[in-house]
């Protein structure tokens, strides 16, 4: 026959019985100690800081990729506009240094997030050739300057009369 827990713990005076009974009661309670709670909060904070860091990093990389994509599209659009211009009027599209600040629409904007520079050089080697080079720099948001690598598109257009085709 098993003896009750109180009889096993109670060996001594009334005060001792009371203390041991409370100790036995506490050891059977369920819950977390203060140390466990502090450690779990610290770990949660650590992993949340890592997660926030990863989210911020991925947002920056995504924004830079978007800016590169827009810069490439701006260069392509400028090149297409020039190709649709009569050969004799192409020099009007030249944007010398430092270039023209443009918005994502491609229109000139003093607060634009992109810097576009267009160069057209003419060579004559039996026929007239125009080398068109369009460079577009996205704004570096960390330095607030156009100091990165540009997106570059380049083509050569020949002046060939229609009757020769």
Protein backbone atom coordinates (compact mmCIF):
# COMPACT_ATOMS: atom_id res chain seq x y z
CA UNK A 1 0.00 0.00 0.00
CA UNK A 2 1.34 3.40 -0.94
CA UNK A 3 1.66 6.11 1.64
CA UNK A 4 0.22 9.55 0.80
CA UNK A 5 2.67 12.28 -0.24
CA UNK A 6 1.88 14.39 2.79
CA UNK A 7 2.88 11.58 5.15
CA UNK A 8 6.20 11.10 3.35
CA UNK A 9 7.09 14.80 3.40
CA UNK A 10 5.73 15.58 6.85
CA UNK A 11 8.52 14.18 9.00
CA UNK A 12 9.06 17.05 11.49
CA UNK A 13 7.26 20.00 13.04
CA UNK A 14 4.27 21.84 11.63
CA UNK A 15 6.41 24.56 10.02
CA UNK A 16 8.55 22.02 8.24
CA UNK A 17 5.50 20.18 6.97
CA UNK A 18 4.09 23.41 5.57
CA UNK A 19 7.33 24.31 3.72
CA UNK A 20 7.79 20.89 2.19
CA UNK A 21 4.15 20.75 1.19
CA UNK A 22 4.53 24.08 -0.67
CA UNK A 23 7.76 22.87 -2.29
CA UNK A 24 6.06 19.71 -3.45
CA UNK A 25 3.15 21.78 -4.75
CA UNK A 26 5.48 24.15 -6.67
CA UNK A 27 7.42 21.36 -8.31
CA UNK A 28 4.23 19.94 -9.77
CA UNK A 29 3.02 23.27 -11.17
CA UNK A 30 3.27 23.87 -14.91
CA UNK A 31 4.71 27.07 -16.38
CA UNK A 32 7.92 28.87 -17.23
CA UNK A 33 10.55 30.36 -14.97
CA UNK A 34 11.71 33.93 -15.35
CA UNK A 35 15.02 32.77 -16.83
CA UNK A 36 13.24 30.71 -19.48
CA UNK A 37 11.06 33.67 -20.42
CA UNK A 38 14.04 36.06 -20.65
CA UNK A 39 16.03 33.59 -22.78
CA UNK A 40 13.08 33.00 -25.11
CA UNK A 41 12.47 36.76 -25.52
CA UNK A 42 16.17 37.28 -26.26
CA UNK A 43 16.14 34.52 -28.88
CA UNK A 44 12.96 35.88 -30.41
CA UNK A 45 14.51 39.35 -30.60
CA UNK A 46 17.67 37.96 -32.18
CA UNK A 47 15.77 36.06 -34.87
CA UNK A 48 13.46 39.01 -35.53
CA UNK A 49 16.50 41.27 -36.01
CA UNK A 50 17.90 38.80 -38.54
CA UNK A 51 14.54 38.63 -40.33
CA UNK A 52 14.25 42.42 -40.51
CA UNK A 53 17.81 42.65 -41.82
CA UNK A 54 17.07 40.10 -44.56
CA UNK A 55 13.86 41.93 -45.52
CA UNK A 56 15.65 45.28 -45.75
CA UNK A 57 18.49 43.76 -47.80
CA UNK A 58 16.09 42.07 -50.22
CA UNK A 59 14.09 45.31 -50.60
CA UNK A 60 17.30 47.19 -51.48
CA UNK A 61 18.38 44.55 -54.00
CA UNK A 62 14.90 44.56 -55.55
CA UNK A 63 14.92 48.37 -55.82
CA UNK A 64 18.36 48.34 -57.46
CA UNK A 65 17.24 45.67 -59.95
CA UNK A 66 14.14 47.73 -60.74
CA UNK A 67 16.27 50.84 -61.28
CA UNK A 68 18.58 48.90 -63.62
CA UNK A 69 15.60 47.60 -65.57
CA UNK A 70 14.08 51.08 -65.89
CA UNK A 71 17.47 52.52 -66.92
CA UNK A 72 17.74 49.91 -69.66
CA UNK A 73 14.22 50.68 -70.87
CA UNK A 74 14.98 54.42 -70.89
CA UNK A 75 18.11 53.85 -72.99
CA UNK A 76 16.17 51.62 -75.40
CA UNK A 77 13.36 54.19 -75.75
CA UNK A 78 15.85 56.98 -76.46
CA UNK A 79 17.58 54.83 -79.07
CA UNK A 80 14.24 54.06 -80.76
CA UNK A 81 13.30 57.75 -80.85
CA UNK A 82 16.58 58.54 -82.57
CA UNK A 83 16.16 55.68 -85.06
CA UNK A 84 12.74 57.09 -86.03
CA UNK A 85 14.24 60.51 -86.74
CA UNK A 86 15.40 61.45 -90.25
CA UNK A 87 19.11 60.79 -90.66
CA UNK A 88 19.95 64.47 -91.17
CA UNK A 89 18.15 65.52 -87.94
CA UNK A 90 19.68 62.93 -85.57
CA UNK A 91 22.26 65.34 -84.13
CA UNK A 92 19.43 67.21 -82.36
CA UNK A 93 19.21 64.28 -79.89
CA UNK A 94 22.76 64.72 -78.54
CA UNK A 95 22.89 65.21 -74.77
CA UNK A 96 26.39 66.23 -73.80
CA UNK A 97 28.07 65.89 -70.42
CA UNK A 98 26.87 65.79 -67.73
CA UNK A 99 23.67 64.56 -69.41
CA UNK A 100 19.99 65.11 -68.71
CA UNK A 101 18.18 64.08 -65.54
CA UNK A 102 15.05 62.19 -66.50
CA UNK A 103 12.09 60.64 -64.72
CA UNK A 104 10.95 57.06 -65.24
CA UNK A 105 8.78 58.35 -68.09
CA UNK A 106 11.90 59.44 -70.01
CA UNK A 107 10.95 63.10 -69.86
CA UNK A 108 13.46 65.66 -68.60
CA UNK A 109 12.97 66.29 -64.89
CA UNK A 110 15.37 68.24 -62.65
CA UNK A 111 14.49 65.85 -59.80
CA UNK A 112 14.64 62.73 -62.00
CA UNK A 113 16.05 59.48 -60.67
CA UNK A 114 18.07 58.77 -63.83
CA UNK A 115 20.81 60.54 -65.77
CA UNK A 116 20.78 60.02 -69.53
CA UNK A 117 23.60 60.92 -71.90
CA UNK A 118 23.32 60.48 -75.66
CA UNK A 119 26.31 60.69 -78.00
CA UNK A 120 26.17 60.53 -81.79
CA UNK A 121 29.35 60.35 -83.82
CA UNK A 122 29.45 60.44 -87.60
CA UNK A 123 32.04 58.61 -89.66
CA UNK A 124 32.47 58.50 -93.39
CA UNK A 125 34.04 55.41 -94.83
CA UNK A 126 32.58 55.19 -98.29
CA UNK A 127 29.17 55.79 -96.73
CA UNK A 128 27.94 57.97 -93.89
CA UNK A 129 27.56 56.05 -90.61
CA UNK A 130 26.20 57.31 -87.31
CA UNK A 131 27.29 55.61 -84.11
CA UNK A 132 24.61 56.24 -81.49
CA UNK A 133 25.45 55.57 -77.85
CA UNK A 134 22.92 56.04 -75.06
CA UNK A 135 24.00 55.72 -71.42
CA UNK A 136 21.60 55.86 -68.48
CA UNK A 137 22.71 55.93 -64.83
CA UNK A 138 20.24 55.16 -62.05
CA UNK A 139 20.43 57.35 -58.97
CA UNK A 140 22.36 55.65 -56.16
CA UNK A 141 20.04 56.18 -53.20
CA UNK A 142 22.80 55.69 -50.62
CA UNK A 143 25.06 58.43 -52.00
CA UNK A 144 22.31 60.40 -53.82
CA UNK A 145 24.57 60.57 -56.86
CA UNK A 146 24.93 58.95 -60.29
CA UNK A 147 28.24 57.24 -59.56
CA UNK A 148 27.40 53.61 -60.46
CA UNK A 149 27.73 51.77 -63.73
CA UNK A 150 25.45 53.00 -66.52
CA UNK A 151 23.18 50.90 -68.70
CA UNK A 152 24.62 51.32 -72.21
CA UNK A 153 23.01 50.73 -75.61
CA UNK A 154 24.88 51.39 -78.82
CA UNK A 155 24.05 50.99 -82.50
CA UNK A 156 25.27 52.09 -85.91
CA UNK A 157 22.90 53.53 -88.50
CA UNK A 158 23.84 54.00 -92.15
CA UNK A 159 22.46 56.68 -94.47
CA UNK A 160 21.27 54.59 -97.37
CA UNK A 161 18.95 56.24 -99.88
CA UNK A 162 15.72 54.33 -100.53
CA UNK A 163 16.39 54.01 -104.27
CA UNK A 164 19.52 51.92 -103.51
CA UNK A 165 17.59 49.34 -101.45
